[in-house]
Protein backbone atom coordinates (compact mmCIF):
# COMPACT_ATOMS: atom_id res chain seq x y z
CA MET A 1 17.15 11.11 1.00
CA TRP A 2 17.98 7.72 2.49
CA LEU A 3 20.12 8.59 5.49
CA ALA A 4 17.75 8.33 8.46
CA ALA A 5 17.94 5.57 11.08
CA LEU A 6 21.67 4.84 10.96
CA ASP A 7 22.28 4.01 14.62
CA ALA A 8 21.71 0.32 13.96
CA GLY A 9 25.28 -0.17 12.80
CA ALA A 10 27.11 0.31 16.09
CA TRP A 11 30.26 -1.78 16.63
CA ARG A 12 29.95 -4.31 19.41
CA PRO A 13 33.50 -5.32 20.41
CA GLY A 14 32.33 -7.80 23.03
CA LEU A 15 31.25 -10.20 20.30
CA GLN A 16 33.99 -12.18 18.60
CA ARG A 17 33.55 -14.42 15.59
CA HIS A 18 35.70 -16.69 13.47
CA TRP A 19 35.12 -15.95 9.82
CA GLY A 20 35.13 -18.65 7.18
CA PRO A 21 35.12 -18.31 3.40
CA SER A 22 32.22 -16.46 1.83
CA PRO A 23 29.54 -18.58 0.14
CA THR A 24 29.06 -18.58 -3.61
CA ARG A 25 26.95 -15.69 -4.87
CA ASP A 26 23.78 -16.54 -6.74
CA ARG A 27 22.47 -14.13 -9.36
CA SER A 28 20.06 -12.23 -7.17
CA GLY A 29 22.47 -12.05 -4.24
CA VAL A 30 19.72 -12.68 -1.70
CA ARG A 31 20.52 -16.31 -0.97
CA ARG A 32 24.19 -15.48 -0.56
CA LEU A 33 23.53 -12.84 2.07
CA LEU A 34 20.89 -14.71 4.05
CA LEU A 35 22.75 -18.01 4.06
CA ALA A 36 25.88 -16.17 5.14
CA VAL A 37 24.08 -14.92 8.20
CA PHE A 38 22.36 -18.25 8.80
CA LEU A 39 25.67 -20.12 8.80
CA GLY A 40 27.50 -17.48 10.81
CA LEU A 41 29.66 -16.48 7.84
CA LEU A 42 29.32 -12.78 7.18
CA LEU A 43 29.66 -12.11 3.48
CA ALA A 44 33.35 -11.40 3.10
CA GLY A 45 34.57 -11.55 6.66
CA CYS A 46 35.97 -8.84 8.87
CA GLY A 47 36.88 -6.53 5.99
CA ASN A 48 33.22 -5.92 5.18
CA LEU A 49 32.38 -5.43 8.84
CA MET A 50 35.11 -2.85 9.29
CA SER A 51 33.96 -1.03 6.15
CA LEU A 52 30.39 -1.01 7.40
CA HIS A 53 31.42 0.26 10.83
CA ALA A 54 33.46 3.12 9.33
CA ASP A 55 30.70 3.94 6.84
CA LEU A 56 27.97 4.27 9.46
CA LYS A 57 30.24 6.13 11.87
CA GLU A 58 30.89 8.73 9.17
CA ALA A 59 27.17 9.04 8.52
CA ARG A 60 26.39 9.70 12.16
CA LYS A 61 28.89 12.57 12.18
CA THR A 62 27.92 14.02 8.81
CA PHE A 63 24.12 13.98 8.72
CA HIS A 64 21.23 15.18 10.85
CA ARG A 65 17.54 14.37 10.61
CA VAL A 66 14.93 17.11 10.85
CA ALA A 67 11.18 16.61 11.05
CA GLY A 68 8.03 18.52 11.85
CA ARG A 69 5.21 20.27 10.01
CA ILE A 70 4.94 22.70 7.12
CA GLU A 71 2.14 25.22 7.63
CA SER A 72 0.86 27.14 4.62
CA PRO A 73 -2.59 28.63 5.33
CA THR A 74 -2.91 30.38 1.96
CA CYS A 75 -1.96 27.35 -0.15
CA ALA A 76 -2.80 24.09 1.60
CA ASP A 77 -2.48 21.90 -1.51
CA CYS A 78 0.47 23.52 -3.27
CA PRO A 79 3.67 21.61 -4.04
CA THR A 80 6.27 22.71 -1.53
CA ILE A 81 10.06 22.54 -1.57
CA VAL A 82 12.16 22.55 1.60
CA VAL A 83 15.81 23.55 1.13
CA ALA A 84 18.65 23.09 3.63
CA LEU A 85 21.28 25.82 3.34
CA GLY A 86 24.52 26.88 4.93
CA ASP A 87 23.72 30.57 4.44
CA ARG A 88 20.78 32.86 3.63
CA SER A 89 22.07 34.01 0.26
CA GLY A 90 21.51 30.69 -1.51
CA ARG A 91 25.15 30.10 -2.41
CA GLN A 92 25.39 27.08 -0.08
CA VAL A 93 22.53 24.77 -1.00
CA HIS A 94 23.12 21.50 0.85
CA THR A 95 20.03 19.54 -0.14
CA TYR A 96 16.34 19.93 -0.89
CA ARG A 97 13.20 17.84 -0.87
CA VAL A 98 9.89 18.13 -2.69
CA PHE A 99 6.59 17.57 -0.88
CA GLU A 100 3.30 17.23 -2.73
CA LYS A 101 1.70 19.65 -0.29
CA PRO A 102 2.27 21.17 3.16
CA GLY A 103 1.88 18.96 6.22
CA LYS A 104 4.30 16.56 7.87
CA PHE A 105 7.89 16.66 6.69
CA ASP A 106 10.94 14.52 7.41
CA MET A 107 14.33 14.84 5.74
CA VAL A 108 18.05 14.32 6.27
CA ILE A 109 20.40 17.28 6.01
CA LEU A 110 24.11 17.94 6.43
CA ALA A 111 25.35 18.55 9.95
CA GLY A 112 26.57 21.98 8.83
CA SER A 113 23.20 23.16 7.54
CA ARG A 114 22.13 26.33 9.37
CA TYR A 115 18.79 27.17 7.75
CA LEU A 116 15.68 25.59 6.30
CA PHE A 117 13.88 27.57 3.61
CA ALA A 118 10.46 26.42 2.40
CA PHE A 119 8.43 27.81 -0.48
CA ASN A 120 5.30 26.96 -2.44
CA ASP A 121 6.52 26.22 -5.96
CA LEU A 122 3.43 27.68 -7.61
CA ASN A 123 4.64 27.30 -11.20
CA GLY A 124 6.47 23.99 -10.69
CA ASP A 125 9.81 25.24 -12.02
CA PHE A 126 11.94 24.20 -8.99
CA GLU A 127 13.06 27.82 -8.61
CA TYR A 128 12.05 30.26 -5.89
CA GLN A 129 10.31 33.37 -7.20
CA PRO A 130 9.90 36.53 -5.06
CA ASP A 131 6.10 36.36 -5.39
CA GLU A 132 5.89 32.79 -4.06
CA PRO A 133 4.91 32.24 -0.40
CA SER A 134 7.92 31.22 1.68
CA GLY A 135 9.36 30.93 5.17
CA TRP A 136 12.64 30.47 7.04
CA TYR A 137 13.65 28.34 10.00
CA GLU A 138 17.02 28.82 11.68
CA LEU A 139 18.60 25.64 12.99
CA THR A 140 20.37 25.87 16.33
CA GLU A 141 23.02 23.37 17.34
CA SER A 142 21.83 21.00 20.03
CA PRO A 143 23.95 21.18 23.22
CA SER A 144 23.63 17.42 23.53
CA GLY A 145 24.84 16.86 19.99
CA LYS A 146 21.64 15.06 18.99
CA ARG A 147 21.40 14.22 15.32
CA GLU A 148 17.62 14.54 15.19
CA VAL A 149 15.54 17.68 15.54
CA ALA A 150 11.81 17.00 15.68
CA GLY A 151 8.83 19.26 16.21
CA ILE A 152 9.97 21.94 13.76
CA VAL A 153 7.21 24.20 12.45
CA LEU A 154 8.00 25.68 9.04
CA ARG A 155 5.57 28.56 8.53
CA ILE A 156 5.06 29.67 4.95
CA ARG A 157 3.63 33.15 4.59
CA PRO A 158 2.44 35.11 1.55
CA ALA A 159 5.08 37.17 -0.18
CA GLU A 160 5.23 40.79 0.98
CA PRO A 161 6.53 43.71 -1.11
CA ASP A 162 8.89 44.86 1.64
CA ALA A 163 10.07 41.39 2.67
CA ARG A 164 13.77 40.56 2.61
CA GLU A 165 14.83 39.11 -0.71
CA GLY A 166 14.87 35.31 -0.67
CA PRO A 167 17.85 33.09 -1.50
CA GLN A 168 19.13 33.11 -5.07
CA MET A 169 19.32 29.38 -5.72
CA GLY A 170 18.36 29.05 -9.38
CA ASP A 171 16.75 25.86 -10.67
CA LEU A 172 17.24 23.40 -7.83
CA SER A 173 16.71 20.38 -10.08
CA GLU A 174 19.83 21.30 -12.04
CA LEU A 175 21.90 20.70 -8.90
CA ARG A 176 20.70 17.11 -8.58
CA GLY A 177 23.51 14.62 -9.10
CA ILE A 178 26.09 17.37 -9.72
CA THR A 179 26.86 19.78 -6.88
CA LEU A 180 24.23 19.05 -4.25
CA GLY A 181 25.81 18.42 -0.85
CA SER A 182 28.25 15.54 -0.33
CA VAL A 183 25.73 12.72 -0.88
CA ASP A 184 23.08 12.80 -3.58
CA VAL A 185 20.87 10.59 -5.72
CA GLN A 186 20.46 10.53 -9.48
CA LEU A 187 16.96 11.29 -10.75
CA GLY A 188 15.87 10.62 -14.31
CA GLN A 189 19.32 9.94 -15.72
CA VAL A 190 19.07 7.80 -18.87
CA VAL A 191 21.23 4.66 -18.71
CA ASP A 192 21.26 1.11 -20.01
CA LEU A 193 21.40 -2.12 -18.05
CA ASP A 194 25.09 -2.53 -18.87
CA ASP A 195 25.91 0.55 -16.80
CA ALA A 196 28.86 -0.08 -14.48
CA ARG A 197 26.78 1.11 -11.52
CA PHE A 198 24.75 -2.08 -11.81
CA GLU A 199 27.74 -4.43 -11.47
CA PRO A 200 27.59 -7.09 -8.70
CA GLU A 201 30.48 -5.47 -6.83
CA VAL A 202 28.55 -2.20 -6.65
CA ALA A 203 25.44 -4.00 -5.40
CA SER A 204 27.52 -5.53 -2.60
CA MET A 205 28.83 -2.06 -1.77
CA GLY A 206 25.22 -0.98 -1.23
CA VAL A 207 24.98 -3.47 1.65
CA TRP A 208 28.37 -3.03 3.32
CA GLN A 209 29.13 0.61 2.46
CA PRO A 210 25.73 2.23 1.92
CA ILE A 211 27.00 5.79 2.41
CA GLY A 212 30.00 5.16 0.17
CA PHE A 213 27.56 3.74 -2.39
CA MET A 214 25.68 7.04 -2.39
CA LYS A 215 28.78 9.25 -2.32
CA ALA A 216 30.05 7.41 -5.40
CA GLY A 217 26.89 8.42 -7.29
CA HIS A 218 25.40 4.93 -7.60
CA ALA A 219 22.04 5.51 -5.91
CA GLY A 220 19.05 6.86 -7.73
CA LEU A 221 16.01 6.36 -9.89
CA TYR A 222 17.16 5.79 -13.46
CA PHE A 223 15.40 5.75 -16.85
CA LEU A 224 16.13 3.47 -19.79
CA GLU A 225 14.82 6.11 -22.21
CA GLU A 226 13.97 9.78 -22.18
CA TYR A 227 10.69 10.48 -20.41
CA THR A 228 7.70 10.22 -22.74
CA PRO A 229 4.37 11.60 -21.41
CA HIS A 230 2.13 9.08 -23.21
CA LYS A 231 4.02 6.03 -21.84
CA VAL A 232 3.19 4.75 -18.36
CA PRO A 233 6.20 4.38 -16.03
CA VAL A 234 6.87 0.99 -14.43
CA LEU A 235 9.27 1.22 -11.49
CA PHE A 236 11.36 -1.93 -10.93
CA MET A 237 12.75 -2.39 -7.41
CA HIS A 238 15.45 -5.00 -6.75
CA GLY A 239 16.11 -6.93 -3.55
CA ILE A 240 19.00 -6.99 -1.10
CA ASN A 241 22.42 -7.15 -2.74
CA GLY A 242 20.68 -6.87 -6.10
CA SER A 243 20.55 -4.40 -8.98
CA PRO A 244 18.22 -3.38 -11.82
CA ARG A 245 19.89 -6.05 -13.98
CA ASP A 246 17.90 -8.66 -12.06
CA PHE A 247 14.87 -7.54 -14.10
CA ALA A 248 16.57 -7.76 -17.51
CA GLY A 249 14.33 -10.58 -18.77
CA MET A 250 11.14 -8.96 -17.53
CA ILE A 251 12.08 -5.59 -19.02
CA ALA A 252 12.89 -7.24 -22.36
CA GLY A 253 9.29 -8.47 -22.54
CA LEU A 254 7.74 -5.12 -21.63
CA ASP A 255 5.58 -3.42 -24.26
CA ARG A 256 7.78 -0.37 -24.79
CA THR A 257 5.15 1.36 -26.93
CA ARG A 258 2.92 1.64 -23.86
CA PHE A 259 5.31 1.52 -20.91
CA GLN A 260 8.65 3.04 -19.94
CA PRO A 261 10.83 1.18 -17.42
CA TRP A 262 12.21 3.09 -14.44
CA LEU A 263 14.92 1.52 -12.28
CA LEU A 264 15.42 2.07 -8.57
CA HIS A 265 19.00 1.43 -7.46
CA TYR A 266 19.36 1.83 -3.73
CA PRO A 267 21.81 1.00 -0.91
CA SER A 268 20.09 -2.13 0.34
CA GLY A 269 21.95 -2.19 3.64
CA LEU A 270 20.06 0.84 4.99
CA ALA A 271 17.01 0.67 7.23
CA LEU A 272 13.83 0.11 5.24
CA ASP A 273 11.81 2.95 6.77
CA ALA A 274 14.55 5.36 5.66
CA LEU A 275 14.56 3.84 2.17
CA GLY A 276 10.77 4.11 1.87
CA ASN A 277 10.87 7.72 3.00
CA GLY A 278 13.60 8.46 0.46
CA LEU A 279 11.61 6.87 -2.36
CA LEU A 280 8.65 9.06 -1.44
CA GLY A 281 10.86 12.14 -1.84
CA MET A 282 12.22 11.03 -5.21
CA LEU A 283 8.82 10.22 -6.69
CA SER A 284 7.36 13.47 -5.34
CA GLU A 285 10.10 15.31 -7.21
CA LEU A 286 9.45 13.40 -10.43
CA ASP A 287 5.73 14.03 -10.03
CA LEU A 288 6.36 17.78 -9.79
CA ARG A 289 8.60 17.58 -12.84
CA TYR A 290 6.32 15.44 -15.03
CA ASN A 291 2.83 15.66 -13.48
CA LEU A 292 2.51 11.88 -13.25
CA LYS A 293 -0.87 10.36 -14.05
CA GLU A 294 -0.11 6.67 -13.58
CA LEU A 295 2.71 4.55 -12.14
CA HIS A 296 3.13 0.81 -11.49
CA LEU A 297 5.49 -0.78 -8.96
CA VAL A 298 7.15 -4.17 -9.57
CA ALA A 299 9.35 -5.29 -6.68
CA HIS A 300 11.40 -8.39 -5.88
CA SER A 301 12.20 -9.70 -2.40
CA LEU A 302 13.35 -6.86 -0.09
CA GLY A 303 12.18 -4.39 -2.73
CA GLY A 304 8.61 -5.42 -1.92
CA LEU A 305 9.08 -4.37 1.70
CA LEU A 306 10.50 -1.05 0.52
CA ALA A 307 7.48 -0.57 -1.76
CA GLN A 308 5.05 -1.42 1.04
CA SER A 309 6.80 1.08 3.33
CA TYR A 310 6.57 3.74 0.63
CA LEU A 311 2.85 3.08 0.09
CA LYS A 312 2.23 3.25 3.83
CA ALA A 313 3.80 6.73 3.87
CA CYS A 314 1.71 7.69 0.83
CA GLU A 315 -1.49 6.76 2.63
CA GLU A 316 -0.48 8.54 5.82
CA LEU A 317 0.22 11.80 3.96
CA GLN A 318 -2.55 11.36 1.37
CA HIS A 319 0.02 11.57 -1.43
CA CYS A 320 0.88 9.46 -4.51
CA ALA A 321 -2.51 9.46 -6.24
CA TYR A 322 -0.73 8.36 -9.43
CA VAL A 323 0.19 4.84 -8.18
CA ARG A 324 -2.05 2.17 -9.72
CA SER A 325 -0.58 -1.24 -8.92
CA PHE A 326 2.01 -2.94 -6.73
CA THR A 327 3.31 -6.36 -7.78
CA SER A 328 5.44 -8.02 -5.12
CA ILE A 329 7.55 -11.05 -6.04
CA SER A 330 8.95 -13.42 -3.37
CA THR A 331 8.80 -10.74 -0.69
CA PRO A 332 9.57 -11.62 2.97
CA PHE A 333 6.58 -9.82 4.47
CA GLY A 334 7.06 -11.82 7.67
CA GLY A 335 10.79 -11.12 7.89
CA SER A 336 13.84 -13.37 7.94
CA ARG A 337 15.10 -15.53 10.80
CA ALA A 338 18.57 -15.32 9.28
CA ALA A 339 18.50 -11.55 9.74
CA GLN A 340 17.72 -12.07 13.42
CA THR A 341 20.79 -14.30 13.66
CA GLY A 342 22.86 -11.46 12.24
CA VAL A 343 21.38 -8.99 14.73
CA ASP A 344 22.09 -11.34 17.63
CA ARG A 345 25.60 -12.47 16.70
CA SER A 346 27.35 -9.98 14.45
CA PRO A 347 29.70 -7.40 16.01
CA VAL A 348 28.40 -4.87 13.45
CA VAL A 349 24.75 -4.94 12.44
CA VAL A 350 23.69 -4.03 8.92
CA PRO A 351 20.73 -1.66 9.52
CA VAL A 352 18.41 -3.57 7.19
CA TRP A 353 18.83 -6.71 9.30
CA LYS A 354 17.04 -4.95 12.14
CA SER A 355 14.24 -4.00 9.75
CA ILE A 356 13.57 -7.56 8.59
CA ALA A 357 14.19 -9.49 11.80
CA PRO A 358 10.86 -11.17 12.69
CA GLY A 359 8.85 -9.07 15.12
CA SER A 360 10.81 -5.88 14.39
CA ARG A 361 9.09 -2.57 14.85
CA PHE A 362 9.29 -2.01 11.10
CA LEU A 363 7.45 -5.26 10.36
CA ARG A 364 4.91 -4.74 13.15
CA GLU A 365 3.92 -1.37 11.70
CA LEU A 366 4.22 -2.30 8.01
CA PHE A 367 0.49 -2.94 7.54
CA ALA A 368 -0.74 -0.35 10.05
CA ARG A 369 -2.45 1.53 7.23
CA PRO A 370 -4.37 0.26 4.21
CA LEU A 371 -3.01 0.73 0.74
CA PRO A 372 -3.94 3.99 -1.00
CA PRO A 373 -7.46 3.61 -2.47
CA ARG A 374 -6.49 3.25 -6.13
CA VAL A 375 -3.62 0.79 -5.60
CA SER A 376 -4.13 -2.93 -6.28
CA HIS A 377 -1.62 -5.41 -4.84
CA TYR A 378 -0.68 -8.56 -6.76
CA LEU A 379 1.24 -11.01 -4.59
CA LEU A 380 3.51 -13.45 -6.44
CA PHE A 381 5.34 -16.17 -4.50
CA GLY A 382 7.70 -19.04 -5.27
CA TYR A 383 7.57 -22.54 -3.80
CA ARG A 384 10.52 -24.45 -5.31
CA ASN A 385 13.01 -25.17 -2.55
CA SER A 386 16.26 -26.40 -4.08
CA SER A 387 18.33 -25.37 -1.06
CA ARG A 388 20.48 -27.91 0.77
CA THR A 389 20.49 -25.91 3.99
CA THR A 390 16.78 -25.52 4.70
CA PHE A 391 13.85 -27.86 4.23
CA ARG A 392 11.09 -25.38 5.08
CA SER A 393 8.39 -24.81 2.50
CA GLY A 394 9.32 -21.85 0.36
CA ASP A 395 11.61 -20.76 -2.45
CA GLY A 396 14.87 -21.83 -0.81
CA VAL A 397 15.48 -18.40 0.69
CA ILE A 398 12.14 -17.01 1.88
CA PRO A 399 9.75 -19.49 3.54
CA LEU A 400 6.13 -19.52 2.49
CA ASP A 401 4.88 -18.31 5.86
CA SER A 402 6.92 -15.13 5.34
CA GLN A 403 5.93 -14.64 1.70
CA LEU A 404 2.29 -15.27 2.60
CA ARG A 405 1.98 -13.23 5.78
CA ALA A 406 -1.71 -12.93 6.65
CA GLU A 407 -1.85 -9.13 6.35
CA ALA A 408 -0.23 -9.26 2.91
CA GLN A 409 -2.77 -11.82 1.74
CA ALA A 410 -5.62 -9.75 3.13
CA GLN A 411 -4.64 -6.61 1.24
CA SER A 412 -3.84 -8.36 -2.06
CA ARG A 413 -6.26 -8.33 -4.95
CA ALA A 414 -4.82 -11.55 -6.36
CA MET A 415 -2.11 -14.06 -5.44
CA ARG A 416 -0.22 -16.44 -7.69
CA GLY A 417 2.30 -19.15 -6.83
CA PHE A 418 5.07 -20.27 -9.19
CA ASP A 419 7.23 -23.40 -9.15
CA GLN A 420 10.46 -21.39 -8.99
CA ASP A 421 13.17 -20.62 -6.49
CA HIS A 422 14.02 -17.17 -5.18
CA SER A 423 16.17 -15.94 -8.04
CA GLY A 424 14.74 -18.08 -10.85
CA ILE A 425 11.29 -16.56 -10.46
CA LEU A 426 12.50 -13.36 -12.15
CA ASP A 427 13.46 -15.31 -15.29
CA ASP A 428 10.24 -17.31 -15.53
CA ASP A 429 8.23 -16.65 -18.71
CA ALA A 430 4.97 -17.29 -16.87
CA VAL A 431 5.87 -14.60 -14.33
CA HIS A 432 6.68 -12.16 -17.13
CA ALA A 433 3.34 -12.88 -18.79
CA TYR A 434 1.45 -12.44 -15.53
CA VAL A 435 3.12 -9.09 -14.77
CA ASN A 436 2.36 -7.89 -18.30
CA ARG A 437 -1.30 -8.79 -17.84
CA VAL A 438 -1.40 -6.81 -14.60
CA LEU A 439 0.13 -3.78 -16.31
CA SER A 440 -2.05 -4.00 -19.40
CA GLY A 441 -5.21 -4.42 -17.36
CA SER A 442 -4.59 -1.23 -15.36
CA GLY A 443 -5.72 -3.09 -12.27
CA GLY A 444 -6.03 -6.61 -13.63
CA ASP A 445 -9.74 -7.24 -12.95
CA HIS A 446 -9.62 -9.89 -15.69
CA LEU A 447 -7.22 -11.90 -13.51
CA LEU A 448 -9.95 -12.53 -10.96
CA ALA A 449 -11.78 -15.29 -12.75
CA GLY A 450 -13.72 -16.18 -9.64
CA GLY A 451 -15.07 -12.66 -9.28
CA GLY A 452 -13.99 -12.36 -5.65
CA GLN A 453 -11.80 -9.79 -3.97
CA ASN A 454 -8.87 -12.16 -3.70
CA ASP A 455 -7.86 -14.89 -6.14
CA THR A 456 -5.12 -17.41 -5.35
CA ARG A 457 -3.62 -19.72 -7.97
CA TRP A 458 -0.63 -22.02 -8.15
CA ALA A 459 1.20 -22.19 -11.48
CA GLN A 460 2.75 -25.52 -12.46
């Protein structure tokens, strides 16, 4: 789901660097990565760069992107599943993606996929039934070897008694995380925060070997308990080089009688538009499975950009009616100058650096659409700069002018500043209390003491 936009990692042999020792890693991992770029010391030297180069080269050979429209005249609002297959029988299911309804589609498939099969999943069982409207599209290999095929029209037609029997694929959701293609994500697997997939070494792998991270089964949206319909999900989204463990303190203070924590663990080296698109696919699948009524997003640092990208896609497609709030914490809405240094000077560019370099296309388009109507944004920022390498106002990693980008302020319902640095803000009791008030208020109107549309406060 997260494999689009991989060309950013091309090797540039004309650039030569001398690599020094890697800086000490702080708990969140963000300062380590950004300071490494800022000082010209890429995280662990040439070994990481070579791994990244090989990882992205493999991805360019292995995966293709397909995009276009799904047309379904007889069922314009039905949940729709698009399946990439190697044959028409259904024995070679490479991947699939759930869409809330027909319309625009965009997905990454294996290079060897020969067919797309789309069907309206009328009963929501993830299994094609002969009486469900469906349609085929045969993929032809591009003479130029292009990895992207756009402009596809997937036409779904009503089932006909004499139509050829569709593919026998069984319950597609049972393939997730087991036999689906060569790269997959975990969805709804119950874990605890001590899971080995959340170790710091694995988080680093998500930056420098994002495809290897996914092939190893680390990526996904995890649960800390079995899904319970009467509990509202809260999705926690870590930052670059981070993991769900970064939210351990906040999760410990969550009212588990009312809320259930969900954990996004993603390869944070990938381009952010691809990550946002992948999150949309995962949550669409969970919505079909559980018929979600309400969901809250809590995101730290880079995770806030991912969440904003996801919400932008939601608004464009008129999806995700279940999202109620988005709490961003120390998010670089204006980008990172250190990332630009990496783009300019590194012989191999981590794709996410291009996303967060100031003035990037991703950042220019990030606020092109308003938030979905029922989503309230709560913008939390830190202003304790304990760094010895930068004296700009901010949290020691992200300057205030990036955390408080004008468009982010304009869309927020409330803003709150905390006297904490970039990683410490996640362990602050006042931050935990504030987030709990947002969640408990189902929109947090009580936080706006002044009665206006936007309330800004600075916590001491």
